[in-house]
Amino acid sequence: MESHNLAALIDHTCLKPDATEAEIERLCAEALQYGFAAVCVNPYWIPRVSARLGEGLVKPIAVVGFPLGANRTASKAYEAHDAIDKGAREIDMVINLGALKGGDFKAVLEDIESVVHRAAPYPVKVILETCLLDEVEKRLGCQLAVDGGAHFVKTSTGFSTGGSTLEDVRLMREVVGSGYGVKASGGIKSREFALGLLQAGANRLGCSASVALILSEKI
């Protein structure tokens, strides 16, 4: 795959807590230069990112309930609405992991539905944090995301015990089907692995080392 084609599938990401204005500015400049799909940041930075990117092809993404997913639903819904109001054009929300693992699927579904409703008409990705789930829970999380009206399932926050795996992406694609979004994020350190994730079924990648990824074979 050509570098420009790969770039168009990457959400250029900086979610570290100590990110500075200069780093966010550089993130936006790189996204515009290389043609990344989006810039993914914490909600604080969305007004600046939205203003910097303008109305072009590169979309501003805000994370919601990040990185634990344990916020109350009303908080997540407000956070999503506020981010959209400030210029976000996609939302990446963290699923309620405790509710999922504890079998409270109604709470998980309502959590997703509320964020989807407040983010409309813009797409919502549901972060499963697959490294903390067994296979049954991964399948349930994917199905609840679909049932809740979200548009993507996403593997990881990048802040837990593991990131993307080929096996998880294959499983997620199997559950959601061909017409749904699957975003792989966390631990994508080489072009070979990135292409493997796409072959396994991902159609979006979340990367913090995006420029190095498209300019070299290995980081």
N, C-alpha and C. Protein backbone atom coordinates (compact mmCIF):
# COMPACT_ATOMS: atom_id res chain seq x y z
N MET A 1 0.84 -1.20 0.00
CA MET A 1 0.00 0.00 0.00
C MET A 1 0.87 1.24 0.00
N GLU A 2 0.53 2.19 -0.87
CA GLU A 2 1.27 3.44 -0.93
C GLU A 2 1.08 4.24 0.36
N SER A 3 2.09 5.06 0.70
CA SER A 3 2.06 5.82 1.95
C SER A 3 0.85 6.73 2.05
N HIS A 4 0.48 7.37 0.91
CA HIS A 4 -0.65 8.29 0.96
C HIS A 4 -1.96 7.56 1.19
N ASN A 5 -2.06 6.33 0.66
CA ASN A 5 -3.27 5.53 0.88
C ASN A 5 -3.34 5.06 2.33
N LEU A 6 -2.21 4.67 2.90
CA LEU A 6 -2.18 4.27 4.30
C LEU A 6 -2.50 5.45 5.20
N ALA A 7 -1.95 6.61 4.89
CA ALA A 7 -2.20 7.80 5.71
C ALA A 7 -3.68 8.11 5.82
N ALA A 8 -4.41 7.90 4.75
CA ALA A 8 -5.84 8.21 4.72
C ALA A 8 -6.67 7.31 5.62
N LEU A 9 -6.05 6.27 6.17
CA LEU A 9 -6.74 5.35 7.08
C LEU A 9 -6.29 5.54 8.53
N ILE A 10 -5.46 6.55 8.79
CA ILE A 10 -4.87 6.73 10.12
C ILE A 10 -5.48 7.93 10.83
N ASP A 11 -5.88 7.70 12.10
CA ASP A 11 -6.24 8.79 13.00
C ASP A 11 -4.97 9.20 13.74
N HIS A 12 -4.42 10.34 13.41
CA HIS A 12 -3.17 10.84 14.00
C HIS A 12 -3.49 11.29 15.43
N THR A 13 -2.83 10.70 16.41
CA THR A 13 -3.33 10.74 17.79
C THR A 13 -2.31 11.28 18.78
N CYS A 14 -2.78 12.13 19.69
CA CYS A 14 -2.00 12.53 20.86
C CYS A 14 -2.97 12.67 22.03
N LEU A 15 -2.92 11.71 22.94
CA LEU A 15 -3.83 11.68 24.08
C LEU A 15 -3.10 11.73 25.42
N LYS A 16 -1.80 11.96 25.38
CA LYS A 16 -1.06 11.97 26.64
C LYS A 16 -1.46 13.18 27.48
N PRO A 17 -1.47 13.02 28.80
CA PRO A 17 -1.99 14.08 29.66
C PRO A 17 -1.16 15.36 29.67
N ASP A 18 0.11 15.26 29.32
CA ASP A 18 0.97 16.44 29.37
C ASP A 18 1.22 17.04 27.99
N ALA A 19 0.36 16.75 27.04
CA ALA A 19 0.50 17.33 25.71
C ALA A 19 0.41 18.85 25.79
N THR A 20 1.28 19.52 25.07
CA THR A 20 1.30 20.98 25.08
C THR A 20 0.64 21.53 23.81
N GLU A 21 0.38 22.83 23.83
CA GLU A 21 -0.20 23.48 22.66
C GLU A 21 0.70 23.30 21.44
N ALA A 22 2.01 23.38 21.65
CA ALA A 22 2.93 23.22 20.53
C ALA A 22 2.83 21.81 19.93
N GLU A 23 2.67 20.81 20.78
CA GLU A 23 2.55 19.43 20.28
C GLU A 23 1.25 19.24 19.51
N ILE A 24 0.17 19.84 20.00
CA ILE A 24 -1.10 19.72 19.30
C ILE A 24 -1.05 20.45 17.96
N GLU A 25 -0.40 21.59 17.93
CA GLU A 25 -0.22 22.32 16.67
C GLU A 25 0.57 21.47 15.68
N ARG A 26 1.64 20.82 16.14
CA ARG A 26 2.43 19.97 15.26
C ARG A 26 1.60 18.79 14.76
N LEU A 27 0.78 18.21 15.63
CA LEU A 27 -0.10 17.11 15.26
C LEU A 27 -1.00 17.51 14.09
N CYS A 28 -1.60 18.67 14.20
CA CYS A 28 -2.48 19.17 13.14
C CYS A 28 -1.72 19.43 11.85
N ALA A 29 -0.57 20.05 11.98
CA ALA A 29 0.23 20.36 10.80
C ALA A 29 0.64 19.08 10.06
N GLU A 30 1.04 18.07 10.81
CA GLU A 30 1.41 16.79 10.20
C GLU A 30 0.21 16.13 9.54
N ALA A 31 -0.95 16.18 10.19
CA ALA A 31 -2.15 15.58 9.61
C ALA A 31 -2.50 16.22 8.28
N LEU A 32 -2.38 17.54 8.22
CA LEU A 32 -2.67 18.24 6.97
C LEU A 32 -1.61 17.96 5.91
N GLN A 33 -0.37 17.88 6.33
CA GLN A 33 0.72 17.64 5.38
C GLN A 33 0.64 16.26 4.74
N TYR A 34 0.36 15.24 5.57
CA TYR A 34 0.43 13.86 5.09
C TYR A 34 -0.94 13.29 4.71
N GLY A 35 -2.02 14.01 5.00
CA GLY A 35 -3.34 13.54 4.60
C GLY A 35 -3.90 12.45 5.47
N PHE A 36 -3.68 12.55 6.78
CA PHE A 36 -4.27 11.58 7.69
C PHE A 36 -5.79 11.75 7.73
N ALA A 37 -6.49 10.70 8.15
CA ALA A 37 -7.94 10.74 8.18
C ALA A 37 -8.46 11.74 9.20
N ALA A 38 -7.77 11.81 10.36
CA ALA A 38 -8.29 12.60 11.46
C ALA A 38 -7.19 12.93 12.44
N VAL A 39 -7.49 13.84 13.35
CA VAL A 39 -6.64 14.15 14.50
C VAL A 39 -7.45 13.83 15.75
N CYS A 40 -6.91 12.95 16.59
CA CYS A 40 -7.61 12.46 17.77
C CYS A 40 -6.95 13.02 19.03
N VAL A 41 -7.73 13.78 19.81
CA VAL A 41 -7.18 14.47 20.97
C VAL A 41 -8.17 14.42 22.14
N ASN A 42 -7.69 14.81 23.30
CA ASN A 42 -8.56 14.99 24.45
C ASN A 42 -9.48 16.20 24.22
N PRO A 43 -10.67 16.21 24.85
CA PRO A 43 -11.66 17.26 24.55
C PRO A 43 -11.18 18.69 24.74
N TYR A 44 -10.27 18.91 25.68
CA TYR A 44 -9.76 20.27 25.91
C TYR A 44 -9.23 20.90 24.63
N TRP A 45 -8.63 20.07 23.76
CA TRP A 45 -7.96 20.60 22.58
C TRP A 45 -8.86 20.73 21.36
N ILE A 46 -10.09 20.26 21.45
CA ILE A 46 -10.95 20.23 20.27
C ILE A 46 -11.19 21.61 19.64
N PRO A 47 -11.47 22.67 20.40
CA PRO A 47 -11.66 23.97 19.73
C PRO A 47 -10.45 24.39 18.90
N ARG A 48 -9.26 24.17 19.44
CA ARG A 48 -8.05 24.56 18.72
C ARG A 48 -7.84 23.68 17.49
N VAL A 49 -8.04 22.38 17.65
CA VAL A 49 -7.86 21.46 16.53
C VAL A 49 -8.88 21.73 15.44
N SER A 50 -10.11 21.96 15.82
CA SER A 50 -11.16 22.24 14.84
C SER A 50 -10.84 23.51 14.06
N ALA A 51 -10.40 24.53 14.75
CA ALA A 51 -10.06 25.79 14.07
C ALA A 51 -8.87 25.59 13.13
N ARG A 52 -7.90 24.81 13.57
CA ARG A 52 -6.69 24.60 12.77
C ARG A 52 -6.98 23.76 11.51
N LEU A 53 -7.83 22.76 11.64
CA LEU A 53 -8.10 21.87 10.51
C LEU A 53 -9.12 22.46 9.54
N GLY A 54 -9.98 23.34 10.04
CA GLY A 54 -10.99 23.92 9.17
C GLY A 54 -12.00 22.89 8.69
N GLU A 55 -12.53 23.12 7.50
CA GLU A 55 -13.59 22.26 6.96
C GLU A 55 -13.07 21.28 5.92
N GLY A 56 -11.80 20.93 6.01
CA GLY A 56 -11.21 20.03 5.03
C GLY A 56 -11.49 18.57 5.31
N LEU A 57 -10.69 17.71 4.70
CA LEU A 57 -10.91 16.27 4.79
C LEU A 57 -10.45 15.68 6.12
N VAL A 58 -9.53 16.34 6.82
CA VAL A 58 -9.02 15.81 8.09
C VAL A 58 -9.99 16.19 9.20
N LYS A 59 -10.51 15.18 9.91
CA LYS A 59 -11.56 15.41 10.90
C LYS A 59 -11.00 15.50 12.32
N PRO A 60 -11.55 16.37 13.15
CA PRO A 60 -11.20 16.39 14.57
C PRO A 60 -11.99 15.31 15.32
N ILE A 61 -11.27 14.51 16.12
CA ILE A 61 -11.90 13.48 16.95
C ILE A 61 -11.65 13.81 18.42
N ALA A 62 -12.72 13.69 19.23
CA ALA A 62 -12.58 13.81 20.68
C ALA A 62 -12.84 12.46 21.32
N VAL A 63 -12.08 12.15 22.37
CA VAL A 63 -12.36 10.95 23.16
C VAL A 63 -13.32 11.31 24.28
N VAL A 64 -14.12 10.33 24.69
CA VAL A 64 -15.15 10.53 25.70
C VAL A 64 -15.07 9.39 26.73
N GLY A 65 -15.16 9.74 28.00
CA GLY A 65 -15.05 8.73 29.05
C GLY A 65 -13.67 8.10 29.07
N PHE A 66 -12.69 8.87 28.71
CA PHE A 66 -11.34 8.35 28.46
C PHE A 66 -10.45 8.55 29.69
N PRO A 67 -9.61 7.55 30.04
CA PRO A 67 -9.40 6.26 29.37
C PRO A 67 -10.09 5.07 30.05
N LEU A 68 -10.85 5.30 31.13
CA LEU A 68 -11.36 4.17 31.93
C LEU A 68 -12.77 3.72 31.55
N GLY A 69 -13.57 4.62 31.00
CA GLY A 69 -14.93 4.27 30.65
C GLY A 69 -15.90 4.24 31.82
N ALA A 70 -15.44 4.60 33.01
CA ALA A 70 -16.24 4.44 34.22
C ALA A 70 -17.04 5.68 34.60
N ASN A 71 -17.08 6.68 33.73
CA ASN A 71 -17.91 7.86 33.97
C ASN A 71 -19.39 7.48 33.95
N ARG A 72 -20.21 8.29 34.60
CA ARG A 72 -21.64 8.10 34.49
C ARG A 72 -22.11 8.44 33.08
N THR A 73 -23.17 7.80 32.67
CA THR A 73 -23.67 7.98 31.31
C THR A 73 -23.99 9.44 31.01
N ALA A 74 -24.61 10.13 31.96
CA ALA A 74 -24.94 11.54 31.72
C ALA A 74 -23.69 12.37 31.46
N SER A 75 -22.60 12.04 32.15
CA SER A 75 -21.34 12.76 31.94
C SER A 75 -20.78 12.49 30.55
N LYS A 76 -20.82 11.23 30.14
CA LYS A 76 -20.32 10.89 28.80
C LYS A 76 -21.15 11.57 27.72
N ALA A 77 -22.47 11.56 27.90
CA ALA A 77 -23.35 12.17 26.90
C ALA A 77 -23.09 13.67 26.80
N TYR A 78 -22.94 14.33 27.94
CA TYR A 78 -22.65 15.76 27.91
C TYR A 78 -21.29 16.02 27.27
N GLU A 79 -20.31 15.20 27.62
CA GLU A 79 -18.96 15.37 27.07
C GLU A 79 -18.99 15.24 25.55
N ALA A 80 -19.75 14.26 25.05
CA ALA A 80 -19.86 14.08 23.60
C ALA A 80 -20.54 15.29 22.95
N HIS A 81 -21.64 15.74 23.53
CA HIS A 81 -22.37 16.89 22.98
C HIS A 81 -21.49 18.15 22.98
N ASP A 82 -20.78 18.37 24.07
CA ASP A 82 -19.93 19.55 24.16
C ASP A 82 -18.80 19.48 23.14
N ALA A 83 -18.21 18.31 22.96
CA ALA A 83 -17.14 18.16 21.97
C ALA A 83 -17.65 18.43 20.56
N ILE A 84 -18.82 17.92 20.23
CA ILE A 84 -19.41 18.19 18.92
C ILE A 84 -19.69 19.68 18.76
N ASP A 85 -20.21 20.29 19.80
CA ASP A 85 -20.50 21.72 19.77
C ASP A 85 -19.23 22.54 19.54
N LYS A 86 -18.09 22.03 20.02
CA LYS A 86 -16.83 22.75 19.89
C LYS A 86 -16.07 22.37 18.63
N GLY A 87 -16.65 21.49 17.80
CA GLY A 87 -16.03 21.22 16.50
C GLY A 87 -15.61 19.79 16.23
N ALA A 88 -15.75 18.88 17.19
CA ALA A 88 -15.42 17.47 16.92
C ALA A 88 -16.36 16.93 15.85
N ARG A 89 -15.84 16.06 15.01
CA ARG A 89 -16.65 15.47 13.96
C ARG A 89 -16.66 13.94 14.04
N GLU A 90 -16.02 13.39 15.04
CA GLU A 90 -16.14 11.99 15.41
C GLU A 90 -15.90 11.91 16.91
N ILE A 91 -16.49 10.88 17.54
CA ILE A 91 -16.33 10.65 18.97
C ILE A 91 -15.84 9.23 19.18
N ASP A 92 -14.78 9.07 19.96
CA ASP A 92 -14.29 7.75 20.38
C ASP A 92 -14.59 7.60 21.87
N MET A 93 -15.57 6.78 22.23
CA MET A 93 -15.97 6.62 23.63
C MET A 93 -15.48 5.29 24.18
N VAL A 94 -15.16 5.27 25.46
CA VAL A 94 -14.75 4.02 26.12
C VAL A 94 -15.99 3.36 26.70
N ILE A 95 -16.16 2.08 26.40
CA ILE A 95 -17.29 1.31 26.90
C ILE A 95 -17.21 1.22 28.43
N ASN A 96 -18.35 0.99 29.08
CA ASN A 96 -18.36 0.77 30.53
C ASN A 96 -17.89 -0.65 30.79
N LEU A 97 -16.61 -0.79 31.04
CA LEU A 97 -15.99 -2.11 31.17
C LEU A 97 -16.53 -2.89 32.37
N GLY A 98 -16.70 -2.20 33.50
CA GLY A 98 -17.19 -2.89 34.68
C GLY A 98 -18.58 -3.43 34.49
N ALA A 99 -19.45 -2.64 33.84
CA ALA A 99 -20.81 -3.10 33.57
C ALA A 99 -20.80 -4.27 32.59
N LEU A 100 -19.95 -4.20 31.57
CA LEU A 100 -19.87 -5.29 30.61
C LEU A 100 -19.40 -6.58 31.27
N LYS A 101 -18.33 -6.50 32.04
CA LYS A 101 -17.78 -7.69 32.67
C LYS A 101 -18.72 -8.22 33.78
N GLY A 102 -19.50 -7.32 34.36
CA GLY A 102 -20.43 -7.73 35.41
C GLY A 102 -21.77 -8.21 34.89
N GLY A 103 -21.97 -8.16 33.58
CA GLY A 103 -23.20 -8.66 32.99
C GLY A 103 -24.35 -7.68 32.95
N ASP A 104 -24.10 -6.40 33.24
CA ASP A 104 -25.17 -5.40 33.19
C ASP A 104 -25.22 -4.82 31.78
N PHE A 105 -25.71 -5.61 30.85
CA PHE A 105 -25.69 -5.22 29.44
C PHE A 105 -26.65 -4.08 29.14
N LYS A 106 -27.71 -3.96 29.92
CA LYS A 106 -28.64 -2.85 29.75
C LYS A 106 -27.93 -1.52 29.99
N ALA A 107 -27.10 -1.47 31.04
CA ALA A 107 -26.36 -0.25 31.34
C ALA A 107 -25.36 0.06 30.22
N VAL A 108 -24.70 -0.95 29.71
CA VAL A 108 -23.74 -0.74 28.62
C VAL A 108 -24.45 -0.20 27.39
N LEU A 109 -25.58 -0.81 27.06
CA LEU A 109 -26.34 -0.38 25.88
C LEU A 109 -26.82 1.05 26.02
N GLU A 110 -27.37 1.38 27.17
CA GLU A 110 -27.86 2.75 27.40
C GLU A 110 -26.74 3.77 27.35
N ASP A 111 -25.57 3.38 27.84
CA ASP A 111 -24.38 4.24 27.81
C ASP A 111 -24.03 4.58 26.37
N ILE A 112 -23.98 3.57 25.51
CA ILE A 112 -23.63 3.78 24.11
C ILE A 112 -24.71 4.59 23.40
N GLU A 113 -25.97 4.21 23.62
CA GLU A 113 -27.07 4.91 22.96
C GLU A 113 -27.09 6.40 23.31
N SER A 114 -26.80 6.71 24.55
CA SER A 114 -26.83 8.11 24.99
C SER A 114 -25.76 8.93 24.29
N VAL A 115 -24.57 8.37 24.18
CA VAL A 115 -23.49 9.09 23.50
C VAL A 115 -23.79 9.23 22.01
N VAL A 116 -24.28 8.16 21.40
CA VAL A 116 -24.63 8.21 19.98
C VAL A 116 -25.68 9.30 19.74
N HIS A 117 -26.67 9.36 20.60
CA HIS A 117 -27.73 10.35 20.46
C HIS A 117 -27.18 11.78 20.54
N ARG A 118 -26.32 12.03 21.52
CA ARG A 118 -25.80 13.38 21.72
C ARG A 118 -24.74 13.76 20.70
N ALA A 119 -24.13 12.78 20.06
CA ALA A 119 -23.11 13.06 19.04
C ALA A 119 -23.69 13.20 17.65
N ALA A 120 -24.94 12.79 17.47
CA ALA A 120 -25.56 12.78 16.14
C ALA A 120 -25.48 14.17 15.50
N PRO A 121 -25.21 14.21 14.19
CA PRO A 121 -25.18 13.11 13.22
C PRO A 121 -23.78 12.53 12.99
N TYR A 122 -22.86 12.77 13.89
CA TYR A 122 -21.47 12.38 13.65
C TYR A 122 -21.18 10.99 14.21
N PRO A 123 -20.20 10.29 13.61
CA PRO A 123 -19.94 8.90 13.98
C PRO A 123 -19.36 8.74 15.39
N VAL A 124 -19.72 7.62 16.01
CA VAL A 124 -19.19 7.24 17.32
C VAL A 124 -18.48 5.90 17.20
N LYS A 125 -17.27 5.85 17.76
CA LYS A 125 -16.52 4.60 17.88
C LYS A 125 -16.56 4.15 19.34
N VAL A 126 -16.76 2.87 19.56
CA VAL A 126 -16.82 2.32 20.92
C VAL A 126 -15.52 1.56 21.20
N ILE A 127 -14.75 2.06 22.16
CA ILE A 127 -13.47 1.45 22.54
C ILE A 127 -13.75 0.32 23.53
N LEU A 128 -13.37 -0.90 23.15
CA LEU A 128 -13.66 -2.07 23.98
C LEU A 128 -12.60 -2.34 25.04
N GLU A 129 -11.38 -1.88 24.83
CA GLU A 129 -10.23 -2.24 25.68
C GLU A 129 -10.11 -3.76 25.74
N THR A 130 -9.82 -4.34 24.57
CA THR A 130 -9.87 -5.79 24.40
C THR A 130 -8.91 -6.55 25.30
N CYS A 131 -7.82 -5.91 25.72
CA CYS A 131 -6.85 -6.61 26.57
C CYS A 131 -7.44 -6.97 27.93
N LEU A 132 -8.55 -6.35 28.32
CA LEU A 132 -9.18 -6.62 29.61
C LEU A 132 -10.41 -7.53 29.48
N LEU A 133 -10.69 -8.01 28.29
CA LEU A 133 -11.89 -8.81 28.04
C LEU A 133 -11.54 -10.20 27.56
N ASP A 134 -12.38 -11.18 27.91
CA ASP A 134 -12.24 -12.50 27.31
C ASP A 134 -13.02 -12.52 25.99
N GLU A 135 -12.97 -13.65 25.29
CA GLU A 135 -13.57 -13.69 23.95
C GLU A 135 -15.07 -13.43 23.99
N VAL A 136 -15.75 -14.03 24.95
CA VAL A 136 -17.20 -13.83 25.06
C VAL A 136 -17.51 -12.35 25.28
N GLU A 137 -16.75 -11.70 26.16
CA GLU A 137 -16.98 -10.28 26.45
C GLU A 137 -16.68 -9.40 25.24
N LYS A 138 -15.65 -9.75 24.48
CA LYS A 138 -15.35 -9.00 23.26
C LYS A 138 -16.52 -9.08 22.27
N ARG A 139 -17.06 -10.28 22.11
CA ARG A 139 -18.18 -10.46 21.21
C ARG A 139 -19.40 -9.69 21.68
N LEU A 140 -19.67 -9.76 22.96
CA LEU A 140 -20.80 -9.02 23.53
C LEU A 140 -20.62 -7.51 23.36
N GLY A 141 -19.40 -7.03 23.63
CA GLY A 141 -19.13 -5.60 23.48
C GLY A 141 -19.35 -5.12 22.06
N CYS A 142 -18.90 -5.92 21.09
CA CYS A 142 -19.11 -5.56 19.69
C CYS A 142 -20.60 -5.52 19.36
N GLN A 143 -21.35 -6.50 19.80
CA GLN A 143 -22.77 -6.56 19.49
C GLN A 143 -23.53 -5.41 20.15
N LEU A 144 -23.15 -5.07 21.37
CA LEU A 144 -23.80 -3.95 22.06
C LEU A 144 -23.50 -2.62 21.35
N ALA A 145 -22.29 -2.48 20.82
CA ALA A 145 -21.96 -1.27 20.06
C ALA A 145 -22.84 -1.16 18.83
N VAL A 146 -23.02 -2.26 18.12
CA VAL A 146 -23.89 -2.27 16.95
C VAL A 146 -25.33 -1.96 17.35
N ASP A 147 -25.81 -2.64 18.39
CA ASP A 147 -27.19 -2.45 18.83
C ASP A 147 -27.43 -1.03 19.34
N GLY A 148 -26.37 -0.41 19.88
CA GLY A 148 -26.51 0.94 20.41
C GLY A 148 -26.43 2.03 19.37
N GLY A 149 -26.23 1.65 18.11
CA GLY A 149 -26.23 2.63 17.03
C GLY A 149 -24.88 3.27 16.74
N ALA A 150 -23.82 2.76 17.37
CA ALA A 150 -22.48 3.29 17.08
C ALA A 150 -22.05 2.86 15.68
N HIS A 151 -20.96 3.42 15.23
CA HIS A 151 -20.53 3.24 13.84
C HIS A 151 -19.24 2.43 13.69
N PHE A 152 -18.47 2.35 14.78
CA PHE A 152 -17.20 1.61 14.79
C PHE A 152 -17.07 0.90 16.12
N VAL A 153 -16.31 -0.19 16.12
CA VAL A 153 -15.73 -0.71 17.34
C VAL A 153 -14.22 -0.50 17.25
N LYS A 154 -13.61 -0.27 18.38
CA LYS A 154 -12.18 0.07 18.45
C LYS A 154 -11.53 -0.80 19.51
N THR A 155 -10.31 -1.22 19.26
CA THR A 155 -9.67 -2.19 20.15
C THR A 155 -9.29 -1.63 21.51
N SER A 156 -8.62 -0.47 21.54
CA SER A 156 -7.87 -0.11 22.74
C SER A 156 -7.78 1.40 22.94
N THR A 157 -7.52 1.78 24.19
CA THR A 157 -7.20 3.18 24.50
C THR A 157 -5.72 3.47 24.31
N GLY A 158 -4.89 2.44 24.44
CA GLY A 158 -3.44 2.63 24.47
C GLY A 158 -2.93 2.95 25.87
N PHE A 159 -3.83 2.95 26.86
CA PHE A 159 -3.45 3.29 28.23
C PHE A 159 -3.62 2.12 29.19
N SER A 160 -3.89 0.93 28.68
CA SER A 160 -4.09 -0.23 29.55
C SER A 160 -2.95 -1.21 29.38
N THR A 161 -3.23 -2.49 29.53
CA THR A 161 -2.17 -3.51 29.58
C THR A 161 -1.78 -4.06 28.21
N GLY A 162 -2.48 -3.65 27.17
CA GLY A 162 -2.15 -4.14 25.84
C GLY A 162 -2.85 -3.32 24.78
N GLY A 163 -2.46 -3.57 23.52
CA GLY A 163 -3.05 -2.84 22.40
C GLY A 163 -3.69 -3.76 21.40
N SER A 164 -3.57 -3.42 20.15
CA SER A 164 -4.21 -4.19 19.08
C SER A 164 -3.53 -5.52 18.86
N THR A 165 -4.33 -6.51 18.49
CA THR A 165 -3.80 -7.78 18.00
C THR A 165 -4.56 -8.16 16.74
N LEU A 166 -3.91 -8.93 15.89
CA LEU A 166 -4.57 -9.40 14.68
C LEU A 166 -5.79 -10.24 15.03
N GLU A 167 -5.65 -11.07 16.08
CA GLU A 167 -6.74 -11.95 16.48
C GLU A 167 -7.98 -11.15 16.90
N ASP A 168 -7.76 -10.09 17.68
CA ASP A 168 -8.89 -9.28 18.13
C ASP A 168 -9.58 -8.58 16.96
N VAL A 169 -8.80 -8.08 16.03
CA VAL A 169 -9.39 -7.41 14.87
C VAL A 169 -10.20 -8.40 14.04
N ARG A 170 -9.68 -9.60 13.85
CA ARG A 170 -10.43 -10.62 13.10
C ARG A 170 -11.75 -10.94 13.80
N LEU A 171 -11.69 -11.10 15.11
CA LEU A 171 -12.90 -11.41 15.88
C LEU A 171 -13.91 -10.27 15.76
N MET A 172 -13.45 -9.05 15.92
CA MET A 172 -14.35 -7.89 15.85
C MET A 172 -15.00 -7.79 14.48
N ARG A 173 -14.22 -7.97 13.43
CA ARG A 173 -14.78 -7.93 12.09
C ARG A 173 -15.80 -9.04 11.89
N GLU A 174 -15.52 -10.21 12.41
CA GLU A 174 -16.46 -11.32 12.29
C GLU A 174 -17.81 -10.97 12.93
N VAL A 175 -17.76 -10.35 14.10
CA VAL A 175 -18.99 -10.05 14.82
C VAL A 175 -19.78 -8.93 14.14
N VAL A 176 -19.11 -7.86 13.75
CA VAL A 176 -19.85 -6.68 13.26
C VAL A 176 -20.20 -6.76 11.78
N GLY A 177 -19.53 -7.63 11.04
CA GLY A 177 -19.82 -7.76 9.62
C GLY A 177 -19.06 -6.78 8.76
N SER A 178 -19.28 -6.90 7.47
CA SER A 178 -18.44 -6.18 6.51
C SER A 178 -18.77 -4.70 6.39
N GLY A 179 -19.98 -4.30 6.75
CA GLY A 179 -20.38 -2.92 6.53
C GLY A 179 -20.15 -1.98 7.70
N TYR A 180 -19.42 -2.44 8.70
CA TYR A 180 -19.25 -1.69 9.94
C TYR A 180 -17.78 -1.29 10.09
N GLY A 181 -17.51 -0.29 10.92
CA GLY A 181 -16.15 0.17 11.12
C GLY A 181 -15.43 -0.61 12.21
N VAL A 182 -14.16 -0.92 11.97
CA VAL A 182 -13.28 -1.52 12.98
C VAL A 182 -12.00 -0.69 13.02
N LYS A 183 -11.72 -0.11 14.19
CA LYS A 183 -10.50 0.68 14.36
C LYS A 183 -9.53 -0.05 15.28
N ALA A 184 -8.33 -0.26 14.79
CA ALA A 184 -7.26 -0.85 15.60
C ALA A 184 -6.39 0.27 16.13
N SER A 185 -6.10 0.23 17.42
CA SER A 185 -5.25 1.25 18.02
C SER A 185 -4.45 0.63 19.15
N GLY A 186 -3.28 1.22 19.41
CA GLY A 186 -2.43 0.74 20.48
C GLY A 186 -1.36 -0.22 20.00
N GLY A 187 -0.11 0.20 20.12
CA GLY A 187 1.02 -0.69 19.81
C GLY A 187 1.30 -0.90 18.34
N ILE A 188 0.86 0.00 17.49
CA ILE A 188 1.10 -0.15 16.04
C ILE A 188 2.43 0.52 15.73
N LYS A 189 3.47 -0.30 15.60
CA LYS A 189 4.84 0.22 15.53
C LYS A 189 5.55 -0.06 14.22
N SER A 190 4.91 -0.71 13.27
CA SER A 190 5.56 -0.97 12.00
C SER A 190 4.54 -0.98 10.88
N ARG A 191 5.02 -0.70 9.68
CA ARG A 191 4.15 -0.74 8.51
C ARG A 191 3.60 -2.16 8.33
N GLU A 192 4.45 -3.16 8.54
CA GLU A 192 4.02 -4.55 8.37
C GLU A 192 2.83 -4.87 9.28
N PHE A 193 2.92 -4.46 10.55
CA PHE A 193 1.83 -4.73 11.49
C PHE A 193 0.58 -3.94 11.10
N ALA A 194 0.76 -2.70 10.69
CA ALA A 194 -0.37 -1.88 10.26
C ALA A 194 -1.10 -2.53 9.09
N LEU A 195 -0.36 -2.98 8.10
CA LEU A 195 -0.97 -3.62 6.95
C LEU A 195 -1.62 -4.94 7.34
N GLY A 196 -1.02 -5.65 8.31
CA GLY A 196 -1.61 -6.88 8.80
C GLY A 196 -2.95 -6.63 9.48
N LEU A 197 -3.04 -5.55 10.23
CA LEU A 197 -4.30 -5.20 10.89
C LEU A 197 -5.37 -4.86 9.86
N LEU A 198 -4.98 -4.16 8.81
CA LEU A 198 -5.94 -3.84 7.75
C LEU A 198 -6.40 -5.11 7.04
N GLN A 199 -5.47 -6.01 6.79
CA GLN A 199 -5.83 -7.27 6.15
C GLN A 199 -6.74 -8.11 7.05
N ALA A 200 -6.54 -8.00 8.37
CA ALA A 200 -7.36 -8.76 9.32
C ALA A 200 -8.77 -8.21 9.43
N GLY A 201 -9.00 -6.98 8.96
CA GLY A 201 -10.35 -6.45 8.97
C GLY A 201 -10.51 -5.04 9.45
N ALA A 202 -9.43 -4.41 9.92
CA ALA A 202 -9.53 -3.00 10.34
C ALA A 202 -9.69 -2.11 9.11
N ASN A 203 -10.45 -1.04 9.27
CA ASN A 203 -10.50 -0.04 8.21
C ASN A 203 -10.16 1.36 8.71
N ARG A 204 -9.64 1.41 9.94
CA ARG A 204 -9.07 2.64 10.50
C ARG A 204 -8.02 2.23 11.52
N LEU A 205 -6.94 3.01 11.61
CA LEU A 205 -5.86 2.77 12.56
C LEU A 205 -5.66 4.01 13.41
N GLY A 206 -5.48 3.82 14.71
CA GLY A 206 -5.15 4.92 15.60
C GLY A 206 -3.69 4.84 15.98
N CYS A 207 -2.92 5.87 15.65
CA CYS A 207 -1.47 5.83 15.85
C CYS A 207 -0.97 7.17 16.39
N SER A 208 0.01 7.10 17.28
CA SER A 208 0.68 8.31 17.73
C SER A 208 1.98 8.54 16.97
N ALA A 209 2.54 7.47 16.41
CA ALA A 209 3.77 7.59 15.63
C ALA A 209 3.45 7.48 14.14
N SER A 210 2.41 8.17 13.72
CA SER A 210 1.89 8.01 12.37
C SER A 210 2.87 8.41 11.28
N VAL A 211 3.59 9.50 11.49
CA VAL A 211 4.52 9.97 10.46
C VAL A 211 5.63 8.95 10.24
N ALA A 212 6.22 8.47 11.32
CA ALA A 212 7.26 7.45 11.20
C ALA A 212 6.71 6.19 10.54
N LEU A 213 5.47 5.86 10.82
CA LEU A 213 4.85 4.66 10.28
C LEU A 213 4.76 4.71 8.76
N ILE A 214 4.36 5.85 8.23
CA ILE A 214 4.20 5.91 6.78
C ILE A 214 5.50 6.22 6.04
N LEU A 215 6.52 6.74 6.77
CA LEU A 215 7.77 7.09 6.09
C LEU A 215 8.84 6.02 6.18
N SER A 216 8.63 5.02 7.04
CA SER A 216 9.65 3.98 7.19
C SER A 216 9.00 2.64 7.36
N GLU A 217 9.77 1.62 7.14
CA GLU A 217 9.28 0.26 7.28
C GLU A 217 9.09 -0.14 8.73
N LYS A 218 9.90 0.43 9.62
CA LYS A 218 9.83 0.05 11.03
C LYS A 218 10.23 1.22 11.91
N ILE A 219 9.49 1.40 13.01
CA ILE A 219 9.79 2.48 13.95
C ILE A 219 10.81 2.00 14.96
